[in-house]
Amino acid sequence: MQGVLYEEPSVWLFLFVTVVMGGWAAWMTGRAIAITWRAYWNLILYLLILGAAVRFIHFALFGGTLLSIHYYVIDTIVILIIGTLGFRYYRARQMTSQYRWLYERTGPFGWKEKSSHTNG
């Protein structure tokens, strides 16, 4: 997998920088976008910038390639997935807590309209 997903000599550096550090920042960005009721496309813009920051950390701390489209795309895809999960988790929580008479949770990342129960 080295050379395809990561360029460092150890997968642990990729996991630490991209998944743990970048993933935490992406999750918190998704949370911030969701709880301020902003649209999903705002999250994508912020995570594209975060992908460049993650790439810079690889470069500055571990001697990675700074201007590599290949590794930027991989880092950005990973943080887009984690950021989207954070966004969906908090948006589902918002929708079902603030509009509990309209929506119910269908899992940690989704919600649906409540079915109306009428007698008669």
PDB file of N, CA and C in Angstrom:
ATOM      1  N   MET A   1       0.810  -1.195   0.000  1.00  0.00           N
ATOM      2  CA  MET A   1       0.000   0.000   0.000  1.00  0.00           C
ATOM      3  C   MET A   1       0.860   1.269   0.000  1.00  0.00           C
ATOM      4  N   GLN A   2       2.128   1.131   0.461  1.00  0.00           N
ATOM      5  CA  GLN A   2       2.991   2.300   0.432  1.00  0.00           C
ATOM      6  C   GLN A   2       3.201   2.732  -1.014  1.00  0.00           C
ATOM      7  N   GLY A   3       3.092   4.001  -1.251  1.00  0.00           N
ATOM      8  CA  GLY A   3       3.202   4.524  -2.598  1.00  0.00           C
ATOM      9  C   GLY A   3       1.846   4.719  -3.254  1.00  0.00           C
ATOM     10  N   VAL A   4       0.849   3.987  -2.773  1.00  0.00           N
ATOM     11  CA  VAL A   4      -0.499   4.138  -3.318  1.00  0.00           C
ATOM     12  C   VAL A   4      -1.331   5.033  -2.399  1.00  0.00           C
ATOM     13  N   LEU A   5      -1.426   4.664  -1.121  1.00  0.00           N
ATOM     14  CA  LEU A   5      -2.200   5.462  -0.166  1.00  0.00           C
ATOM     15  C   LEU A   5      -1.348   6.450   0.615  1.00  0.00           C
ATOM     16  N   TYR A   6      -0.105   6.116   0.847  1.00  0.00           N
ATOM     17  CA  TYR A   6       0.760   6.984   1.651  1.00  0.00           C
ATOM     18  C   TYR A   6       2.183   6.868   1.144  1.00  0.00           C
ATOM     19  N   GLU A   7       2.978   7.902   1.424  1.00  0.00           N
ATOM     20  CA  GLU A   7       4.351   7.914   0.953  1.00  0.00           C
ATOM     21  C   GLU A   7       5.365   7.756   2.074  1.00  0.00           C
ATOM     22  N   GLU A   8       4.949   7.862   3.309  1.00  0.00           N
ATOM     23  CA  GLU A   8       5.851   7.741   4.440  1.00  0.00           C
ATOM     24  C   GLU A   8       6.337   6.287   4.579  1.00  0.00           C
ATOM     25  N   PRO A   9       7.421   6.085   5.297  1.00  0.00           N
ATOM     26  CA  PRO A   9       7.934   4.719   5.453  1.00  0.00           C
ATOM     27  C   PRO A   9       7.041   3.814   6.311  1.00  0.00           C
ATOM     28  N   SER A  10       6.105   4.397   7.059  1.00  0.00           N
ATOM     29  CA  SER A  10       5.232   3.613   7.927  1.00  0.00           C
ATOM     30  C   SER A  10       3.779   4.029   7.739  1.00  0.00           C
ATOM     31  N   VAL A  11       2.900   3.048   7.748  1.00  0.00           N
ATOM     32  CA  VAL A  11       1.471   3.338   7.646  1.00  0.00           C
ATOM     33  C   VAL A  11       0.984   4.098   8.873  1.00  0.00           C
ATOM     34  N   TRP A  12       1.688   3.954   9.995  1.00  0.00           N
ATOM     35  CA  TRP A  12       1.272   4.620  11.230  1.00  0.00           C
ATOM     36  C   TRP A  12       1.328   6.136  11.108  1.00  0.00           C
ATOM     37  N   LEU A  13       2.278   6.656  10.348  1.00  0.00           N
ATOM     38  CA  LEU A  13       2.333   8.107  10.130  1.00  0.00           C
ATOM     39  C   LEU A  13       1.119   8.583   9.338  1.00  0.00           C
ATOM     40  N   PHE A  14       0.742   7.823   8.318  1.00  0.00           N
ATOM     41  CA  PHE A  14      -0.461   8.163   7.551  1.00  0.00           C
ATOM     42  C   PHE A  14      -1.694   8.122   8.441  1.00  0.00           C
ATOM     43  N   LEU A  15      -1.814   7.065   9.228  1.00  0.00           N
ATOM     44  CA  LEU A  15      -2.976   6.932  10.106  1.00  0.00           C
ATOM     45  C   LEU A  15      -3.016   8.047  11.142  1.00  0.00           C
ATOM     46  N   PHE A  16      -1.859   8.397  11.698  1.00  0.00           N
ATOM     47  CA  PHE A  16      -1.831   9.441  12.725  1.00  0.00           C
ATOM     48  C   PHE A  16      -2.173  10.808  12.138  1.00  0.00           C
ATOM     49  N   VAL A  17      -1.504  11.187  11.056  1.00  0.00           N
ATOM     50  CA  VAL A  17      -1.698  12.537  10.519  1.00  0.00           C
ATOM     51  C   VAL A  17      -3.034  12.665   9.792  1.00  0.00           C
ATOM     52  N   THR A  18      -3.317  11.752   8.867  1.00  0.00           N
ATOM     53  CA  THR A  18      -4.515  11.902   8.035  1.00  0.00           C
ATOM     54  C   THR A  18      -5.775  11.466   8.761  1.00  0.00           C
ATOM     55  N   VAL A  19      -5.746  10.285   9.356  1.00  0.00           N
ATOM     56  CA  VAL A  19      -6.971   9.740   9.941  1.00  0.00           C
ATOM     57  C   VAL A  19      -7.238  10.321  11.327  1.00  0.00           C
ATOM     58  N   VAL A  20      -6.236  10.347  12.190  1.00  0.00           N
ATOM     59  CA  VAL A  20      -6.480  10.815  13.561  1.00  0.00           C
ATOM     60  C   VAL A  20      -6.535  12.348  13.617  1.00  0.00           C
ATOM     61  N   MET A  21      -5.455  13.005  13.217  1.00  0.00           N
ATOM     62  CA  MET A  21      -5.429  14.476  13.317  1.00  0.00           C
ATOM     63  C   MET A  21      -6.379  15.122  12.306  1.00  0.00           C
ATOM     64  N   GLY A  22      -6.232  14.768  11.047  1.00  0.00           N
ATOM     65  CA  GLY A  22      -7.101  15.334  10.015  1.00  0.00           C
ATOM     66  C   GLY A  22      -8.545  14.905  10.191  1.00  0.00           C
ATOM     67  N   GLY A  23      -8.747  13.650  10.598  1.00  0.00           N
ATOM     68  CA  GLY A  23     -10.098  13.144  10.815  1.00  0.00           C
ATOM     69  C   GLY A  23     -10.802  13.846  11.953  1.00  0.00           C
ATOM     70  N   TRP A  24     -10.066  14.100  13.038  1.00  0.00           N
ATOM     71  CA  TRP A  24     -10.668  14.832  14.152  1.00  0.00           C
ATOM     72  C   TRP A  24     -11.068  16.236  13.707  1.00  0.00           C
ATOM     73  N   ALA A  25     -10.174  16.910  12.986  1.00  0.00           N
ATOM     74  CA  ALA A  25     -10.485  18.260  12.504  1.00  0.00           C
ATOM     75  C   ALA A  25     -11.666  18.228  11.529  1.00  0.00           C
ATOM     76  N   ALA A  26     -11.727  17.206  10.687  1.00  0.00           N
ATOM     77  CA  ALA A  26     -12.836  17.078   9.729  1.00  0.00           C
ATOM     78  C   ALA A  26     -14.149  16.822  10.457  1.00  0.00           C
ATOM     79  N   TRP A  27     -14.139  15.946  11.453  1.00  0.00           N
ATOM     80  CA  TRP A  27     -15.343  15.660  12.241  1.00  0.00           C
ATOM     81  C   TRP A  27     -15.849  16.934  12.918  1.00  0.00           C
ATOM     82  N   MET A  28     -14.925  17.697  13.510  1.00  0.00           N
ATOM     83  CA  MET A  28     -15.315  18.926  14.192  1.00  0.00           C
ATOM     84  C   MET A  28     -15.796  19.991  13.199  1.00  0.00           C
ATOM     85  N   THR A  29     -15.233  19.999  12.009  1.00  0.00           N
ATOM     86  CA  THR A  29     -15.708  20.919  10.973  1.00  0.00           C
ATOM     87  C   THR A  29     -17.112  20.539  10.538  1.00  0.00           C
ATOM     88  N   GLY A  30     -17.360  19.247  10.341  1.00  0.00           N
ATOM     89  CA  GLY A  30     -18.705  18.778  10.001  1.00  0.00           C
ATOM     90  C   GLY A  30     -19.702  19.123  11.086  1.00  0.00           C
ATOM     91  N   ARG A  31     -19.283  18.975  12.329  1.00  0.00           N
ATOM     92  CA  ARG A  31     -20.140  19.320  13.462  1.00  0.00           C
ATOM     93  C   ARG A  31     -20.468  20.813  13.445  1.00  0.00           C
ATOM     94  N   ALA A  32     -19.453  21.645  13.240  1.00  0.00           N
ATOM     95  CA  ALA A  32     -19.658  23.098  13.240  1.00  0.00           C
ATOM     96  C   ALA A  32     -20.594  23.536  12.119  1.00  0.00           C
ATOM     97  N   ILE A  33     -20.422  22.955  10.946  1.00  0.00           N
ATOM     98  CA  ILE A  33     -21.284  23.308   9.816  1.00  0.00           C
ATOM     99  C   ILE A  33     -22.723  22.879  10.104  1.00  0.00           C
ATOM    100  N   ALA A  34     -22.898  21.696  10.678  1.00  0.00           N
ATOM    101  CA  ALA A  34     -24.244  21.184  10.961  1.00  0.00           C
ATOM    102  C   ALA A  34     -24.950  22.012  12.031  1.00  0.00           C
ATOM    103  N   ILE A  35     -24.260  22.296  13.132  1.00  0.00           N
ATOM    104  CA  ILE A  35     -24.955  22.970  14.228  1.00  0.00           C
ATOM    105  C   ILE A  35     -25.203  24.441  13.950  1.00  0.00           C
ATOM    106  N   THR A  36     -24.554  25.002  12.943  1.00  0.00           N
ATOM    107  CA  THR A  36     -24.849  26.384  12.551  1.00  0.00           C
ATOM    108  C   THR A  36     -25.799  26.430  11.360  1.00  0.00           C
ATOM    109  N   TRP A  37     -26.382  25.305  11.020  1.00  0.00           N
ATOM    110  CA  TRP A  37     -27.399  25.182   9.978  1.00  0.00           C
ATOM    111  C   TRP A  37     -26.915  25.621   8.594  1.00  0.00           C
ATOM    112  N   ARG A  38     -25.633  25.450   8.324  1.00  0.00           N
ATOM    113  CA  ARG A  38     -25.127  25.788   6.994  1.00  0.00           C
ATOM    114  C   ARG A  38     -25.259  24.591   6.068  1.00  0.00           C
ATOM    115  N   ALA A  39     -25.207  24.847   4.781  1.00  0.00           N
ATOM    116  CA  ALA A  39     -25.403  23.805   3.779  1.00  0.00           C
ATOM    117  C   ALA A  39     -24.173  22.903   3.675  1.00  0.00           C
ATOM    118  N   TYR A  40     -24.396  21.707   3.156  1.00  0.00           N
ATOM    119  CA  TYR A  40     -23.334  20.708   3.022  1.00  0.00           C
ATOM    120  C   TYR A  40     -22.198  21.197   2.136  1.00  0.00           C
ATOM    121  N   TRP A  41     -22.490  21.982   1.103  1.00  0.00           N
ATOM    122  CA  TRP A  41     -21.431  22.433   0.203  1.00  0.00           C
ATOM    123  C   TRP A  41     -20.412  23.305   0.928  1.00  0.00           C
ATOM    124  N   ASN A  42     -20.818  23.981   2.006  1.00  0.00           N
ATOM    125  CA  ASN A  42     -19.865  24.736   2.828  1.00  0.00           C
ATOM    126  C   ASN A  42     -18.832  23.802   3.442  1.00  0.00           C
ATOM    127  N   LEU A  43     -19.284  22.646   3.876  1.00  0.00           N
ATOM    128  CA  LEU A  43     -18.380  21.658   4.457  1.00  0.00           C
ATOM    129  C   LEU A  43     -17.348  21.217   3.433  1.00  0.00           C
ATOM    130  N   ILE A  44     -17.776  20.985   2.210  1.00  0.00           N
ATOM    131  CA  ILE A  44     -16.843  20.538   1.173  1.00  0.00           C
ATOM    132  C   ILE A  44     -15.751  21.587   0.954  1.00  0.00           C
ATOM    133  N   LEU A  45     -16.124  22.849   0.900  1.00  0.00           N
ATOM    134  CA  LEU A  45     -15.129  23.913   0.719  1.00  0.00           C
ATOM    135  C   LEU A  45     -14.105  23.920   1.856  1.00  0.00           C
ATOM    136  N   TYR A  46     -14.584  23.831   3.075  1.00  0.00           N
ATOM    137  CA  TYR A  46     -13.672  23.847   4.221  1.00  0.00           C
ATOM    138  C   TYR A  46     -12.776  22.611   4.249  1.00  0.00           C
ATOM    139  N   LEU A  47     -13.315  21.478   3.857  1.00  0.00           N
ATOM    140  CA  LEU A  47     -12.510  20.260   3.889  1.00  0.00           C
ATOM    141  C   LEU A  47     -11.477  20.217   2.767  1.00  0.00           C
ATOM    142  N   LEU A  48     -11.730  20.895   1.669  1.00  0.00           N
ATOM    143  CA  LEU A  48     -10.704  21.008   0.631  1.00  0.00           C
ATOM    144  C   LEU A  48      -9.507  21.803   1.161  1.00  0.00           C
ATOM    145  N   ILE A  49      -9.786  22.820   1.941  1.00  0.00           N
ATOM    146  CA  ILE A  49      -8.713  23.591   2.577  1.00  0.00           C
ATOM    147  C   ILE A  49      -8.008  22.753   3.642  1.00  0.00           C
ATOM    148  N   LEU A  50      -8.789  22.009   4.405  1.00  0.00           N
ATOM    149  CA  LEU A  50      -8.205  21.140   5.426  1.00  0.00           C
ATOM    150  C   LEU A  50      -7.318  20.071   4.793  1.00  0.00           C
ATOM    151  N   GLY A  51      -7.692  19.579   3.618  1.00  0.00           N
ATOM    152  CA  GLY A  51      -6.849  18.611   2.909  1.00  0.00           C
ATOM    153  C   GLY A  51      -5.473  19.183   2.605  1.00  0.00           C
ATOM    154  N   ALA A  52      -5.416  20.459   2.235  1.00  0.00           N
ATOM    155  CA  ALA A  52      -4.128  21.112   1.997  1.00  0.00           C
ATOM    156  C   ALA A  52      -3.340  21.244   3.300  1.00  0.00           C
ATOM    157  N   ALA A  53      -4.017  21.512   4.401  1.00  0.00           N
ATOM    158  CA  ALA A  53      -3.341  21.610   5.695  1.00  0.00           C
ATOM    159  C   ALA A  53      -2.769  20.262   6.123  1.00  0.00           C
ATOM    160  N   VAL A  54      -3.519  19.198   5.898  1.00  0.00           N
ATOM    161  CA  VAL A  54      -3.026  17.854   6.218  1.00  0.00           C
ATOM    162  C   VAL A  54      -1.807  17.527   5.359  1.00  0.00           C
ATOM    163  N   ARG A  55      -1.871  17.891   4.091  1.00  0.00           N
ATOM    164  CA  ARG A  55      -0.729  17.669   3.197  1.00  0.00           C
ATOM    165  C   ARG A  55       0.491  18.440   3.686  1.00  0.00           C
ATOM    166  N   PHE A  56       0.275  19.672   4.187  1.00  0.00           N
ATOM    167  CA  PHE A  56       1.372  20.473   4.724  1.00  0.00           C
ATOM    168  C   PHE A  56       1.991  19.811   5.954  1.00  0.00           C
ATOM    169  N   ILE A  57       1.179  19.240   6.819  1.00  0.00           N
ATOM    170  CA  ILE A  57       1.711  18.553   8.006  1.00  0.00           C
ATOM    171  C   ILE A  57       2.570  17.372   7.589  1.00  0.00           C
ATOM    172  N   HIS A  58       2.121  16.606   6.595  1.00  0.00           N
ATOM    173  CA  HIS A  58       2.944  15.500   6.079  1.00  0.00           C
ATOM    174  C   HIS A  58       4.294  16.036   5.592  1.00  0.00           C
ATOM    175  N   PHE A  59       4.260  17.168   4.911  1.00  0.00           N
ATOM    176  CA  PHE A  59       5.472  17.765   4.359  1.00  0.00           C
ATOM    177  C   PHE A  59       6.383  18.315   5.461  1.00  0.00           C
ATOM    178  N   ALA A  60       5.825  19.116   6.340  1.00  0.00           N
ATOM    179  CA  ALA A  60       6.624  19.827   7.329  1.00  0.00           C
ATOM    180  C   ALA A  60       7.198  18.915   8.412  1.00  0.00           C
ATOM    181  N   LEU A  61       6.437  17.933   8.834  1.00  0.00           N
ATOM    182  CA  LEU A  61       6.891  17.093   9.949  1.00  0.00           C
ATOM    183  C   LEU A  61       7.557  15.792   9.527  1.00  0.00           C
ATOM    184  N   PHE A  62       7.147  15.250   8.384  1.00  0.00           N
ATOM    185  CA  PHE A  62       7.618  13.918   8.032  1.00  0.00           C
ATOM    186  C   PHE A  62       8.264  13.832   6.660  1.00  0.00           C
ATOM    187  N   GLY A  63       8.551  14.954   6.033  1.00  0.00           N
ATOM    188  CA  GLY A  63       9.265  14.959   4.767  1.00  0.00           C
ATOM    189  C   GLY A  63       8.465  14.473   3.579  1.00  0.00           C
ATOM    190  N   GLY A  64       7.170  14.579   3.650  1.00  0.00           N
ATOM    191  CA  GLY A  64       6.325  14.180   2.529  1.00  0.00           C
ATOM    192  C   GLY A  64       6.375  15.202   1.410  1.00  0.00           C
ATOM    193  N   THR A  65       5.767  14.858   0.293  1.00  0.00           N
ATOM    194  CA  THR A  65       5.715  15.752  -0.850  1.00  0.00           C
ATOM    195  C   THR A  65       4.600  16.763  -0.643  1.00  0.00           C
ATOM    196  N   LEU A  66       4.925  18.044  -0.728  1.00  0.00           N
ATOM    197  CA  LEU A  66       3.918  19.075  -0.493  1.00  0.00           C
ATOM    198  C   LEU A  66       2.952  19.196  -1.668  1.00  0.00           C
ATOM    199  N   LEU A  67       3.461  19.334  -2.846  1.00  0.00           N
ATOM    200  CA  LEU A  67       2.630  19.571  -4.028  1.00  0.00           C
ATOM    201  C   LEU A  67       2.437  18.275  -4.808  1.00  0.00           C
ATOM    202  N   SER A  68       1.702  17.367  -4.223  1.00  0.00           N
ATOM    203  CA  SER A  68       1.396  16.094  -4.854  1.00  0.00           C
ATOM    204  C   SER A  68      -0.123  15.971  -4.973  1.00  0.00           C
ATOM    205  N   ILE A  69      -0.618  16.028  -6.179  1.00  0.00           N
ATOM    206  CA  ILE A  69      -2.063  15.895  -6.402  1.00  0.00           C
ATOM    207  C   ILE A  69      -2.554  14.538  -5.911  1.00  0.00           C
ATOM    208  N   HIS A  70      -1.786  13.490  -6.186  1.00  0.00           N
ATOM    209  CA  HIS A  70      -2.171  12.128  -5.810  1.00  0.00           C
ATOM    210  C   HIS A  70      -2.424  12.016  -4.308  1.00  0.00           C
ATOM    211  N   TYR A  71      -1.449  12.421  -3.494  1.00  0.00           N
ATOM    212  CA  TYR A  71      -1.606  12.289  -2.047  1.00  0.00           C
ATOM    213  C   TYR A  71      -2.572  13.319  -1.468  1.00  0.00           C
ATOM    214  N   TYR A  72      -2.683  14.479  -2.099  1.00  0.00           N
ATOM    215  CA  TYR A  72      -3.685  15.459  -1.670  1.00  0.00           C
ATOM    216  C   TYR A  72      -5.087  14.882  -1.857  1.00  0.00           C
ATOM    217  N   VAL A  73      -5.327  14.245  -2.984  1.00  0.00           N
ATOM    218  CA  VAL A  73      -6.642  13.655  -3.253  1.00  0.00           C
ATOM    219  C   VAL A  73      -6.950  12.557  -2.240  1.00  0.00           C
ATOM    220  N   ILE A  74      -5.972  11.718  -1.934  1.00  0.00           N
ATOM    221  CA  ILE A  74      -6.200  10.636  -0.962  1.00  0.00           C
ATOM    222  C   ILE A  74      -6.487  11.212   0.423  1.00  0.00           C
ATOM    223  N   ASP A  75      -5.668  12.156   0.867  1.00  0.00           N
ATOM    224  CA  ASP A  75      -5.913  12.780   2.176  1.00  0.00           C
ATOM    225  C   ASP A  75      -7.271  13.451   2.214  1.00  0.00           C
ATOM    226  N   THR A  76      -7.625  14.140   1.151  1.00  0.00           N
ATOM    227  CA  THR A  76      -8.890  14.866   1.108  1.00  0.00           C
ATOM    228  C   THR A  76     -10.085  13.914   1.079  1.00  0.00           C
ATOM    229  N   ILE A  77      -9.978  12.807   0.367  1.00  0.00           N
ATOM    230  CA  ILE A  77     -11.067  11.822   0.360  1.00  0.00           C
ATOM    231  C   ILE A  77     -11.298  11.268   1.759  1.00  0.00           C
ATOM    232  N   VAL A  78     -10.219  10.947   2.455  1.00  0.00           N
ATOM    233  CA  VAL A  78     -10.353  10.416   3.822  1.00  0.00           C
ATOM    234  C   VAL A  78     -11.035  11.430   4.726  1.00  0.00           C
ATOM    235  N   ILE A  79     -10.611  12.691   4.673  1.00  0.00           N
ATOM    236  CA  ILE A  79     -11.229  13.672   5.566  1.00  0.00           C
ATOM    237  C   ILE A  79     -12.625  14.063   5.094  1.00  0.00           C
ATOM    238  N   LEU A  80     -12.905  13.963   3.802  1.00  0.00           N
ATOM    239  CA  LEU A  80     -14.286  14.197   3.332  1.00  0.00           C
ATOM    240  C   LEU A  80     -15.234  13.139   3.887  1.00  0.00           C
ATOM    241  N   ILE A  81     -14.790  11.902   3.925  1.00  0.00           N
ATOM    242  CA  ILE A  81     -15.627  10.832   4.474  1.00  0.00           C
ATOM    243  C   ILE A  81     -15.892  11.080   5.961  1.00  0.00           C
ATOM    244  N   ILE A  82     -14.840  11.369   6.711  1.00  0.00           N
ATOM    245  CA  ILE A  82     -14.996  11.577   8.153  1.00  0.00           C
ATOM    246  C   ILE A  82     -15.802  12.848   8.434  1.00  0.00           C
ATOM    247  N   GLY A  83     -15.543  13.911   7.687  1.00  0.00           N
ATOM    248  CA  GLY A  83     -16.296  15.159   7.864  1.00  0.00           C
ATOM    249  C   GLY A  83     -17.768  15.000   7.535  1.00  0.00           C
ATOM    250  N   THR A  84     -18.062  14.236   6.481  1.00  0.00           N
ATOM    251  CA  THR A  84     -19.455  13.980   6.116  1.00  0.00           C
ATOM    252  C   THR A  84     -20.163  13.183   7.201  1.00  0.00           C
ATOM    253  N   LEU A  85     -19.477  12.210   7.781  1.00  0.00           N
ATOM    254  CA  LEU A  85     -20.071  11.445   8.879  1.00  0.00           C
ATOM    255  C   LEU A  85     -20.371  12.352  10.076  1.00  0.00           C
ATOM    256  N   GLY A  86     -19.451  13.249  10.400  1.00  0.00           N
ATOM    257  CA  GLY A  86     -19.687  14.201  11.490  1.00  0.00           C
ATOM    258  C   GLY A  86     -20.859  15.116  11.191  1.00  0.00           C
ATOM    259  N   PHE A  87     -20.931  15.603   9.962  1.00  0.00           N
ATOM    260  CA  PHE A  87     -22.038  16.473   9.557  1.00  0.00           C
ATOM    261  C   PHE A  87     -23.369  15.749   9.679  1.00  0.00           C
ATOM    262  N   ARG A  88     -23.445  14.538   9.131  1.00  0.00           N
ATOM    263  CA  ARG A  88     -24.702  13.778   9.155  1.00  0.00           C
ATOM    264  C   ARG A  88     -25.098  13.397  10.583  1.00  0.00           C
ATOM    265  N   TYR A  89     -24.129  13.049  11.421  1.00  0.00           N
ATOM    266  CA  TYR A  89     -24.425  12.681  12.804  1.00  0.00           C
ATOM    267  C   TYR A  89     -25.073  13.852  13.546  1.00  0.00           C
ATOM    268  N   TYR A  90     -24.453  15.015  13.444  1.00  0.00           N
ATOM    269  CA  TYR A  90     -24.984  16.166  14.167  1.00  0.00           C
ATOM    270  C   TYR A  90     -26.245  16.729  13.532  1.00  0.00           C
ATOM    271  N   ARG A  91     -26.393  16.645  12.224  1.00  0.00           N
ATOM    272  CA  ARG A  91     -27.622  17.120  11.586  1.00  0.00           C
ATOM    273  C   ARG A  91     -28.782  16.204  11.970  1.00  0.00           C
ATOM    274  N   ALA A  92     -28.559  14.897  12.012  1.00  0.00           N
ATOM    275  CA  ALA A  92     -29.612  13.974  12.431  1.00  0.00           C
ATOM    276  C   ALA A  92     -30.004  14.234  13.887  1.00  0.00           C
ATOM    277  N   ARG A  93     -29.021  14.508  14.706  1.00  0.00           N
ATOM    278  CA  ARG A  93     -29.290  14.815  16.109  1.00  0.00           C
ATOM    279  C   ARG A  93     -30.098  16.104  16.242  1.00  0.00           C
ATOM    280  N   GLN A  94     -29.740  17.113  15.442  1.00  0.00           N
ATOM    281  CA  GLN A  94     -30.473  18.375  15.459  1.00  0.00           C
ATOM    282  C   GLN A  94     -31.912  18.192  15.026  1.00  0.00           C
ATOM    283  N   MET A  95     -32.098  17.534  13.912  1.00  0.00           N
ATOM    284  CA  MET A  95     -33.437  17.392  13.342  1.00  0.00           C
ATOM    285  C   MET A  95     -34.364  16.641  14.293  1.00  0.00           C
ATOM    286  N   THR A  96     -33.832  15.632  14.974  1.00  0.00           N
ATOM    287  CA  THR A  96     -34.683  14.825  15.842  1.00  0.00           C
ATOM    288  C   THR A  96     -34.834  15.405  17.246  1.00  0.00           C
ATOM    289  N   SER A  97     -33.970  16.313  17.646  1.00  0.00           N
ATOM    290  CA  SER A  97     -34.151  16.927  18.960  1.00  0.00           C
ATOM    291  C   SER A  97     -34.913  18.250  18.862  1.00  0.00           C
ATOM    292  N   GLN A  98     -34.669  19.039  17.847  1.00  0.00           N
ATOM    293  CA  GLN A  98     -35.348  20.327  17.723  1.00  0.00           C
ATOM    294  C   GLN A  98     -36.729  20.198  17.080  1.00  0.00           C
ATOM    295  N   TYR A  99     -36.908  19.161  16.277  1.00  0.00           N
ATOM    296  CA  TYR A  99     -38.196  18.930  15.610  1.00  0.00           C
ATOM    297  C   TYR A  99     -38.691  17.523  15.930  1.00  0.00           C
ATOM    298  N   ARG A 100     -38.737  17.212  17.230  1.00  0.00           N
ATOM    299  CA  ARG A 100     -39.066  15.833  17.627  1.00  0.00           C
ATOM    300  C   ARG A 100     -40.493  15.435  17.281  1.00  0.00           C
ATOM    301  N   TRP A 101     -41.378  16.401  17.082  1.00  0.00           N
ATOM    302  CA  TRP A 101     -42.746  16.079  16.689  1.00  0.00           C
ATOM    303  C   TRP A 101     -42.844  15.751  15.198  1.00  0.00           C
ATOM    304  N   LEU A 102     -41.813  16.084  14.425  1.00  0.00           N
ATOM    305  CA  LEU A 102     -41.830  15.818  12.987  1.00  0.00           C
ATOM    306  C   LEU A 102     -40.955  14.641  12.566  1.00  0.00           C
ATOM    307  N   TYR A 103     -39.818  14.459  13.247  1.00  0.00           N
ATOM    308  CA  TYR A 103     -38.819  13.491  12.787  1.00  0.00           C
ATOM    309  C   TYR A 103     -38.413  12.527  13.888  1.00  0.00           C
ATOM    310  N   GLU A 104     -38.005  11.336  13.451  1.00  0.00           N
ATOM    311  CA  GLU A 104     -37.444  10.349  14.356  1.00  0.00           C
ATOM    312  C   GLU A 104     -36.170   9.805  13.749  1.00  0.00           C
ATOM    313  N   ARG A 105     -35.248   9.364  14.608  1.00  0.00           N
ATOM    314  CA  ARG A 105     -33.959   8.854  14.143  1.00  0.00           C
ATOM    315  C   ARG A 105     -34.131   7.503  13.485  1.00  0.00           C
ATOM    316  N   THR A 106     -33.339   7.285  12.457  1.00  0.00           N
ATOM    317  CA  THR A 106     -33.312   5.980  11.808  1.00  0.00           C
ATOM    318  C   THR A 106     -31.943   5.332  11.966  1.00  0.00           C
ATOM    319  N   GLY A 107     -31.121   5.916  12.777  1.00  0.00           N
ATOM    320  CA  GLY A 107     -29.765   5.451  13.012  1.00  0.00           C
ATOM    321  C   GLY A 107     -28.913   6.639  13.411  1.00  0.00           C
ATOM    322  N   PRO A 108     -27.624   6.441  13.557  1.00  0.00           N
ATOM    323  CA  PRO A 108     -26.790   7.551  13.995  1.00  0.00           C
ATOM    324  C   PRO A 108     -26.648   8.665  12.950  1.00  0.00           C
ATOM    325  N   PHE A 109     -26.920   8.373  11.676  1.00  0.00           N
ATOM    326  CA  PHE A 109     -26.692   9.354  10.623  1.00  0.00           C
ATOM    327  C   PHE A 109     -27.944   9.729   9.831  1.00  0.00           C
ATOM    328  N   GLY A 110     -29.099   9.301  10.264  1.00  0.00           N
ATOM    329  CA  GLY A 110     -30.289   9.581   9.469  1.00  0.00           C
ATOM    330  C   GLY A 110     -31.522   9.832  10.315  1.00  0.00           C
ATOM    331  N   TRP A 111     -32.552  10.322   9.653  1.00  0.00           N
ATOM    332  CA  TRP A 111     -33.841  10.584  10.274  1.00  0.00           C
ATOM    333  C   TRP A 111     -34.921  10.436   9.216  1.00  0.00           C
ATOM    334  N   LYS A 112     -36.151  10.301   9.689  1.00  0.00           N
ATOM    335  CA  LYS A 112     -37.286  10.218   8.773  1.00  0.00           C
ATOM    336  C   LYS A 112     -38.464  10.910   9.406  1.00  0.00           C
ATOM    337  N   GLU A 113     -39.452  11.211   8.583  1.00  0.00           N
ATOM    338  CA  GLU A 113     -40.669  11.827   9.094  1.00  0.00           C
ATOM    339  C   GLU A 113     -41.411  10.825   9.944  1.00  0.00           C
ATOM    340  N   LYS A 114     -41.992  11.315  11.029  1.00  0.00           N
ATOM    341  CA  LYS A 114     -42.814  10.436  11.863  1.00  0.00           C
ATOM    342  C   LYS A 114     -44.112  10.159  11.129  1.00  0.00           C
ATOM    343  N   SER A 115     -44.562   8.946  11.247  1.00  0.00           N
ATOM    344  CA  SER A 115     -45.856   8.622  10.642  1.00  0.00           C
ATOM    345  C   SER A 115     -46.946   9.097  11.584  1.00  0.00           C
ATOM    346  N   SER A 116     -47.978   9.704  11.013  1.00  0.00           N
ATOM    347  CA  SER A 116     -49.060  10.233  11.859  1.00  0.00           C
ATOM    348  C   SER A 116     -50.003   9.083  12.214  1.00  0.00           C
ATOM    349  N   HIS A 117     -50.320   8.997  13.476  1.00  0.00           N
ATOM    350  CA  HIS A 117     -51.239   7.967  13.982  1.00  0.00           C
ATOM    351  C   HIS A 117     -52.556   8.633  14.311  1.00  0.00           C
ATOM    352  N   THR A 118     -53.572   8.326  13.526  1.00  0.00           N
ATOM    353  CA  THR A 118     -54.889   8.890  13.787  1.00  0.00           C
ATOM    354  C   THR A 118     -55.836   7.760  14.203  1.00  0.00           C
ATOM    355  N   ASN A 119     -56.754   8.091  15.079  1.00  0.00           N
ATOM    356  CA  ASN A 119     -57.742   7.109  15.534  1.00  0.00           C
ATOM    357  C   ASN A 119     -59.021   7.302  14.745  1.00  0.00           C
ATOM    358  N   GLY A 120     -59.201   6.496  13.782  1.00  0.00           N
ATOM    359  CA  GLY A 120     -60.462   6.636  13.133  1.00  0.00           C
ATOM    360  C   GLY A 120     -60.366   6.631  11.682  1.00  0.00           C
TER     361      GLY A 120
END
